[in-house]
Amino acid sequence: MSIPPDVRRISSALAAAITDWPTYNLVSVEPFLLELKQDFGELSKVNLCRKMKALSVHADAWKLTSLSELLEAWDGTDEQVQLDELVQRIAVYRQ
């Protein structure tokens, strides 16, 4: 099964964002999404960009790095699409 470029992009962005998120030892997407929802609410690109502006470069550097990487998942996609929908696109290919 060939993996479409958008699925590769979303997967890479998620992997990088999870790796750089400040919570130690996140091993799957679900706990990462849960933390994001608790910290930021709606998980659209527009909302995440808005919330990032309120973060401190000094106190929240790892969150900012992680979120910057995560935003790449939306490249070429409607900015209002929820992160959960992007994750569903790659779920077909998880094994």
C-alpha atoms as a PDB file:
ATOM      1  CA  MET A   1       0.000   0.000   0.000  1.00  0.00           C
ATOM      2  CA  SER A   2       1.445   3.325  -1.065  1.00  0.00           C
ATOM      3  CA  ILE A   3       1.303   6.069   1.555  1.00  0.00           C
ATOM      4  CA  PRO A   4       0.019   9.418   0.196  1.00  0.00           C
ATOM      5  CA  PRO A   5       2.201  12.517   0.697  1.00  0.00           C
ATOM      6  CA  ASP A   6      -0.331  14.212   2.983  1.00  0.00           C
ATOM      7  CA  VAL A   7      -0.335  11.174   5.283  1.00  0.00           C
ATOM      8  CA  ARG A   8       3.471  11.237   5.398  1.00  0.00           C
ATOM      9  CA  ARG A   9       3.433  14.967   6.182  1.00  0.00           C
ATOM     10  CA  ILE A  10       0.867  14.593   8.969  1.00  0.00           C
ATOM     11  CA  SER A  11       2.697  11.588  10.435  1.00  0.00           C
ATOM     12  CA  SER A  12       6.060  13.348  10.394  1.00  0.00           C
ATOM     13  CA  ALA A  13       4.633  16.493  11.965  1.00  0.00           C
ATOM     14  CA  LEU A  14       2.935  14.482  14.721  1.00  0.00           C
ATOM     15  CA  ALA A  15       6.037  12.419  15.448  1.00  0.00           C
ATOM     16  CA  ALA A  16       8.232  15.519  15.723  1.00  0.00           C
ATOM     17  CA  ALA A  17       5.666  17.350  17.883  1.00  0.00           C
ATOM     18  CA  ILE A  18       5.221  14.402  20.261  1.00  0.00           C
ATOM     19  CA  THR A  19       8.983  13.981  20.593  1.00  0.00           C
ATOM     20  CA  ASP A  20       9.497  17.634  21.531  1.00  0.00           C
ATOM     21  CA  TRP A  21       6.454  18.009  23.796  1.00  0.00           C
ATOM     22  CA  PRO A  22       7.691  18.665  27.362  1.00  0.00           C
ATOM     23  CA  THR A  23       5.839  15.717  28.945  1.00  0.00           C
ATOM     24  CA  TYR A  24       8.321  12.899  29.402  1.00  0.00           C
ATOM     25  CA  ASN A  25       7.748   9.514  27.777  1.00  0.00           C
ATOM     26  CA  LEU A  26       4.706  10.134  25.577  1.00  0.00           C
ATOM     27  CA  VAL A  27       4.506   6.986  23.483  1.00  0.00           C
ATOM     28  CA  SER A  28       1.328   7.458  21.463  1.00  0.00           C
ATOM     29  CA  VAL A  29      -0.881  10.069  19.875  1.00  0.00           C
ATOM     30  CA  GLU A  30      -3.801   9.775  22.307  1.00  0.00           C
ATOM     31  CA  PRO A  31      -2.107  11.147  25.463  1.00  0.00           C
ATOM     32  CA  PHE A  32      -0.557  13.916  23.384  1.00  0.00           C
ATOM     33  CA  LEU A  33      -3.955  14.943  21.987  1.00  0.00           C
ATOM     34  CA  LEU A  34      -5.451  14.834  25.472  1.00  0.00           C
ATOM     35  CA  GLU A  35      -2.784  17.190  26.823  1.00  0.00           C
ATOM     36  CA  LEU A  36      -3.223  19.538  23.871  1.00  0.00           C
ATOM     37  CA  LYS A  37      -6.990  19.661  24.405  1.00  0.00           C
ATOM     38  CA  GLN A  38      -6.520  20.354  28.117  1.00  0.00           C
ATOM     39  CA  ASP A  39      -4.007  23.135  27.444  1.00  0.00           C
ATOM     40  CA  PHE A  40      -5.491  24.734  24.314  1.00  0.00           C
ATOM     41  CA  GLY A  41      -9.087  23.590  23.812  1.00  0.00           C
ATOM     42  CA  GLU A  42     -10.034  23.449  20.136  1.00  0.00           C
ATOM     43  CA  LEU A  43      -7.294  21.852  18.054  1.00  0.00           C
ATOM     44  CA  SER A  44      -7.518  23.761  14.800  1.00  0.00           C
ATOM     45  CA  LYS A  45      -4.516  25.485  13.244  1.00  0.00           C
ATOM     46  CA  VAL A  46      -6.137  28.884  13.754  1.00  0.00           C
ATOM     47  CA  ASN A  47      -6.745  28.287  17.465  1.00  0.00           C
ATOM     48  CA  LEU A  48      -3.303  26.799  18.101  1.00  0.00           C
ATOM     49  CA  CYS A  49      -1.644  29.787  16.422  1.00  0.00           C
ATOM     50  CA  ARG A  50      -3.712  32.141  18.573  1.00  0.00           C
ATOM     51  CA  LYS A  51      -2.847  30.259  21.776  1.00  0.00           C
ATOM     52  CA  MET A  52       0.857  30.107  20.889  1.00  0.00           C
ATOM     53  CA  LYS A  53       1.032  33.897  21.009  1.00  0.00           C
ATOM     54  CA  ALA A  54       0.213  33.772  24.729  1.00  0.00           C
ATOM     55  CA  LEU A  55       3.046  31.340  25.535  1.00  0.00           C
ATOM     56  CA  SER A  56       6.362  32.542  26.925  1.00  0.00           C
ATOM     57  CA  VAL A  57       9.462  31.851  24.848  1.00  0.00           C
ATOM     58  CA  HIS A  58      11.400  31.286  28.062  1.00  0.00           C
ATOM     59  CA  ALA A  59       8.914  29.250  30.098  1.00  0.00           C
ATOM     60  CA  ASP A  60       7.258  27.365  27.226  1.00  0.00           C
ATOM     61  CA  ALA A  61      10.062  26.866  24.724  1.00  0.00           C
ATOM     62  CA  TRP A  62       9.446  23.120  24.292  1.00  0.00           C
ATOM     63  CA  LYS A  63       5.712  23.619  23.822  1.00  0.00           C
ATOM     64  CA  LEU A  64       6.362  26.314  21.233  1.00  0.00           C
ATOM     65  CA  THR A  65       8.833  24.079  19.398  1.00  0.00           C
ATOM     66  CA  SER A  66       6.409  21.174  19.458  1.00  0.00           C
ATOM     67  CA  LEU A  67       3.466  23.267  18.280  1.00  0.00           C
ATOM     68  CA  SER A  68       5.522  24.834  15.492  1.00  0.00           C
ATOM     69  CA  GLU A  69       6.301  21.345  14.220  1.00  0.00           C
ATOM     70  CA  LEU A  70       2.689  20.264  14.619  1.00  0.00           C
ATOM     71  CA  LEU A  71       1.434  23.171  12.507  1.00  0.00           C
ATOM     72  CA  GLU A  72       3.161  21.591   9.504  1.00  0.00           C
ATOM     73  CA  ALA A  73       0.449  18.893   9.575  1.00  0.00           C
ATOM     74  CA  TRP A  74      -1.948  21.480   8.167  1.00  0.00           C
ATOM     75  CA  ASP A  75       0.193  22.431   5.143  1.00  0.00           C
ATOM     76  CA  GLY A  76      -2.129  22.393   2.142  1.00  0.00           C
ATOM     77  CA  THR A  77      -5.168  21.732   4.368  1.00  0.00           C
ATOM     78  CA  ASP A  78      -8.035  23.916   5.549  1.00  0.00           C
ATOM     79  CA  GLU A  79      -6.855  25.691   8.710  1.00  0.00           C
ATOM     80  CA  GLN A  80     -10.210  25.050  10.415  1.00  0.00           C
ATOM     81  CA  VAL A  81      -9.817  21.269  10.157  1.00  0.00           C
ATOM     82  CA  GLN A  82      -9.449  19.759  13.615  1.00  0.00           C
ATOM     83  CA  LEU A  83      -6.304  17.837  14.507  1.00  0.00           C
ATOM     84  CA  ASP A  84      -8.464  14.798  15.286  1.00  0.00           C
ATOM     85  CA  GLU A  85      -9.522  14.732  11.623  1.00  0.00           C
ATOM     86  CA  LEU A  86      -5.907  14.827  10.479  1.00  0.00           C
ATOM     87  CA  VAL A  87      -5.080  11.972  12.846  1.00  0.00           C
ATOM     88  CA  GLN A  88      -7.968   9.957  11.408  1.00  0.00           C
ATOM     89  CA  ARG A  89      -6.450  10.335   7.928  1.00  0.00           C
ATOM     90  CA  ILE A  90      -3.323   8.519   9.058  1.00  0.00           C
ATOM     91  CA  ALA A  91      -5.109   5.945  11.245  1.00  0.00           C
ATOM     92  CA  VAL A  92      -5.804   3.804   8.167  1.00  0.00           C
ATOM     93  CA  TYR A  93      -2.057   3.362   7.719  1.00  0.00           C
ATOM     94  CA  ARG A  94      -1.156   2.620  11.370  1.00  0.00           C
ATOM     95  CA  GLN A  95      -0.194  -0.965  12.012  1.00  0.00           C
END
